[in-house]
Amino acid sequence: MRDLAFLSTFNRRLILNRLTGSMLLVSALLLPISSAQAVGTGSSSSGGGSSYGGQTIATAEEPDALALFEEALDFIERGWFRRAITNLQKVTYIEPRNADAWNELGFAYRNVENYRQSEAAYKRALGLDPEHLGALNYQGYLFIETDRVDLARENLTRLEALCGDCFAFTNLQEALDAL
């Protein structure tokens, strides 16, 4: 299990860069609405956010996907998988097209032996990014843990085609060789 936690740390910068890029895009899209609200055209609501033209505008009180994701990665590194699940569920709600968050959610579910939810999360990650090395690696471990070694070998073949002798490939290969 320690090798897989390292993979989370190993991919952390790439994941955070992707999240930062998508957060900047969302911020840019909301900028005209926020500017209009700033000059007093919006009306305040009691839910902690503001309403402008029937749309709810996020405020500092609402969860930040990047902060939740970073905290979830810290929880995973500490082995606090249930806490990570809570954060990652929020991240995937805020950013349903975030393959990295779905992958880490699958990892956390697998580590609390909720294999059904883990498999669904990996499937979602791979549906969003069929070449997601981390999801292919982690899903391979899920297949090993659920006695579907042939499927884990298929993931290994896909990893070899995608990245050759990369960490995700060698990590899964070592797990399969240990059987």
Protein backbone atom coordinates (compact mmCIF):
# COMPACT_ATOMS: atom_id res chain seq x y z
CA MET A 1 0.00 0.00 0.00
CA ARG A 2 2.92 2.35 0.64
CA ASP A 3 3.85 2.34 -3.08
CA LEU A 4 0.38 3.52 -4.03
CA ALA A 5 0.43 6.33 -1.50
CA PHE A 6 3.72 7.39 -3.10
CA LEU A 7 1.98 7.49 -6.48
CA SER A 8 -0.49 9.98 -5.06
CA THR A 9 2.38 12.15 -3.89
CA PHE A 10 4.25 11.55 -7.15
CA ASN A 11 1.34 12.90 -9.24
CA ARG A 12 0.49 15.73 -6.85
CA ARG A 13 2.11 18.56 -8.83
CA LEU A 14 0.51 17.49 -12.12
CA ILE A 15 -2.88 17.21 -10.45
CA LEU A 16 -2.60 20.57 -8.71
CA ASN A 17 -1.51 22.24 -11.95
CA ARG A 18 -4.57 20.84 -13.74
CA LEU A 19 -6.88 21.95 -10.94
CA THR A 20 -5.35 25.41 -10.81
CA GLY A 21 -5.90 25.78 -14.56
CA SER A 22 -9.55 24.76 -14.35
CA MET A 23 -10.13 27.02 -11.33
CA LEU A 24 -8.66 29.97 -13.27
CA LEU A 25 -10.97 29.21 -16.20
CA VAL A 26 -14.02 29.11 -13.91
CA SER A 27 -12.93 32.36 -12.27
CA ALA A 28 -12.56 34.04 -15.66
CA LEU A 29 -16.01 32.88 -16.71
CA LEU A 30 -17.58 34.24 -13.51
CA LEU A 31 -15.69 37.53 -13.59
CA PRO A 32 -18.41 39.57 -15.37
CA ILE A 33 -21.04 38.33 -12.92
CA SER A 34 -18.83 39.05 -9.90
CA SER A 35 -18.01 42.55 -11.24
CA ALA A 36 -21.68 43.35 -11.69
CA GLN A 37 -22.37 42.16 -8.17
CA ALA A 38 -19.50 44.28 -6.82
CA VAL A 39 -21.12 47.49 -8.07
CA GLY A 40 -24.30 46.68 -6.20
CA THR A 41 -26.59 45.27 -8.91
CA GLY A 42 -26.91 41.89 -7.17
CA SER A 43 -29.05 41.17 -4.15
CA SER A 44 -27.87 39.45 -1.04
CA SER A 45 -29.31 36.13 0.12
CA SER A 46 -29.17 34.39 3.47
CA GLY A 47 -27.40 31.27 2.14
CA GLY A 48 -23.90 32.68 2.38
CA GLY A 49 -23.74 33.48 -1.36
CA SER A 50 -25.14 36.25 -3.47
CA SER A 51 -27.70 36.11 -6.21
CA TYR A 52 -27.36 37.89 -9.52
CA GLY A 53 -29.85 37.32 -12.32
CA GLY A 54 -31.19 34.21 -10.63
CA GLN A 55 -27.74 32.61 -10.37
CA THR A 56 -26.00 31.96 -7.08
CA ILE A 57 -22.52 33.42 -6.91
CA ALA A 58 -19.88 31.59 -4.85
CA THR A 59 -18.45 33.37 -1.83
CA ALA A 60 -15.49 32.65 0.39
CA GLU A 61 -17.75 30.53 2.61
CA GLU A 62 -18.33 27.95 -0.13
CA PRO A 63 -15.81 25.13 -0.57
CA ASP A 64 -12.79 25.65 -2.78
CA ALA A 65 -12.16 22.55 -4.93
CA LEU A 66 -8.40 23.01 -4.98
CA ALA A 67 -8.15 23.41 -1.20
CA LEU A 68 -10.41 20.40 -0.64
CA PHE A 69 -8.33 18.34 -3.06
CA GLU A 70 -5.02 19.31 -1.43
CA GLU A 71 -6.44 18.46 1.98
CA ALA A 72 -7.70 15.11 0.65
CA LEU A 73 -4.21 14.27 -0.63
CA ASP A 74 -2.83 15.07 2.81
CA PHE A 75 -5.44 12.81 4.38
CA ILE A 76 -4.48 10.01 1.98
CA GLU A 77 -0.80 10.39 2.85
CA ARG A 78 -1.73 10.03 6.54
CA GLY A 79 -3.95 7.01 5.87
CA TRP A 80 -7.15 8.89 6.77
CA PHE A 81 -9.12 7.52 3.85
CA ARG A 82 -12.62 8.22 5.15
CA ARG A 83 -11.76 11.89 5.61
CA ALA A 84 -10.28 11.94 2.11
CA ILE A 85 -13.49 10.41 0.73
CA THR A 86 -15.57 13.21 2.26
CA ASN A 87 -13.40 15.87 0.62
CA LEU A 88 -13.14 14.07 -2.71
CA GLN A 89 -16.90 13.62 -2.90
CA LYS A 90 -17.19 17.39 -2.60
CA VAL A 91 -14.50 17.97 -5.23
CA THR A 92 -16.18 15.63 -7.71
CA TYR A 93 -19.49 17.39 -7.07
CA ILE A 94 -17.92 20.80 -7.73
CA GLU A 95 -15.82 19.54 -10.67
CA PRO A 96 -17.52 16.42 -12.08
CA ARG A 97 -15.10 16.29 -15.03
CA ASN A 98 -11.98 16.14 -12.86
CA ALA A 99 -10.42 12.75 -13.65
CA ASP A 100 -7.71 13.20 -10.99
CA ALA A 101 -10.28 13.68 -8.24
CA TRP A 102 -12.26 10.62 -9.40
CA ASN A 103 -9.04 8.60 -9.42
CA GLU A 104 -8.09 9.61 -5.89
CA LEU A 105 -11.67 8.94 -4.76
CA GLY A 106 -11.36 5.42 -6.17
CA PHE A 107 -8.07 4.99 -4.32
CA ALA A 108 -9.58 6.12 -1.02
CA TYR A 109 -12.65 3.89 -1.43
CA ARG A 110 -10.41 0.92 -2.24
CA ASN A 111 -8.43 1.49 0.93
CA VAL A 112 -11.58 1.24 3.06
CA GLU A 113 -12.53 -1.88 1.07
CA ASN A 114 -15.55 -0.30 -0.60
CA TYR A 115 -14.73 -1.99 -3.88
CA ARG A 116 -18.01 -1.20 -5.63
CA GLN A 117 -17.59 2.56 -5.14
CA SER A 118 -13.89 2.32 -5.92
CA GLU A 119 -14.56 0.61 -9.23
CA ALA A 120 -17.21 3.18 -10.15
CA ALA A 121 -14.79 6.05 -9.40
CA TYR A 122 -11.99 4.51 -11.49
CA LYS A 123 -14.43 3.89 -14.32
CA ARG A 124 -15.48 7.54 -14.18
CA ALA A 125 -11.84 8.73 -14.16
CA LEU A 126 -11.02 6.56 -17.16
CA GLY A 127 -14.18 7.65 -18.93
CA LEU A 128 -12.96 11.23 -18.63
CA ASP A 129 -9.33 10.41 -19.45
CA PRO A 130 -8.81 6.91 -20.95
CA GLU A 131 -5.04 7.35 -20.70
CA HIS A 132 -4.95 8.32 -17.02
CA LEU A 133 -1.88 6.44 -15.79
CA GLY A 134 -2.79 6.67 -12.11
CA ALA A 135 -6.32 5.36 -12.67
CA LEU A 136 -5.04 2.45 -14.76
CA ASN A 137 -2.50 1.61 -12.05
CA TYR A 138 -4.93 1.91 -9.15
CA GLN A 139 -7.67 0.06 -11.00
CA GLY A 140 -5.14 -2.72 -11.62
CA TYR A 141 -4.63 -3.01 -7.88
CA LEU A 142 -8.40 -3.12 -7.40
CA PHE A 143 -8.58 -5.99 -9.89
CA ILE A 144 -5.83 -7.85 -7.98
CA GLU A 145 -7.58 -7.31 -4.65
CA THR A 146 -10.89 -8.57 -6.08
CA ASP A 147 -9.35 -11.67 -7.70
CA ARG A 148 -9.59 -10.42 -11.29
CA VAL A 149 -5.94 -10.79 -12.19
CA ASP A 150 -6.62 -11.07 -15.93
CA LEU A 151 -8.14 -7.58 -15.90
CA ALA A 152 -5.12 -6.28 -13.94
CA ARG A 153 -2.86 -7.73 -16.66
CA GLU A 154 -4.93 -5.91 -19.30
CA ASN A 155 -4.31 -2.66 -17.42
CA LEU A 156 -0.60 -3.50 -17.32
CA THR A 157 -0.61 -3.96 -21.10
CA ARG A 158 -2.36 -0.60 -21.55
CA LEU A 159 0.16 1.09 -19.26
CA GLU A 160 3.07 -0.39 -21.17
CA ALA A 161 1.63 0.90 -24.45
CA LEU A 162 1.03 4.37 -22.96
CA CYS A 163 4.20 4.99 -20.98
CA GLY A 164 6.61 2.09 -21.40
CA ASP A 165 8.69 1.58 -18.31
CA CYS A 166 7.11 4.38 -16.24
CA PHE A 167 6.41 4.20 -12.52
CA ALA A 168 2.72 3.29 -12.97
CA PHE A 169 3.70 0.34 -15.18
CA THR A 170 6.57 -0.98 -13.03
CA ASN A 171 4.55 -0.55 -9.84
CA LEU A 172 1.66 -2.66 -11.14
CA GLN A 173 4.03 -5.15 -12.74
CA GLU A 174 5.75 -5.72 -9.39
CA ALA A 175 2.38 -6.33 -7.72
CA LEU A 176 1.42 -8.86 -10.37
CA ASP A 177 4.83 -10.56 -10.21
CA ALA A 178 4.41 -10.93 -6.44
CA LEU A 179 1.28 -13.09 -6.86
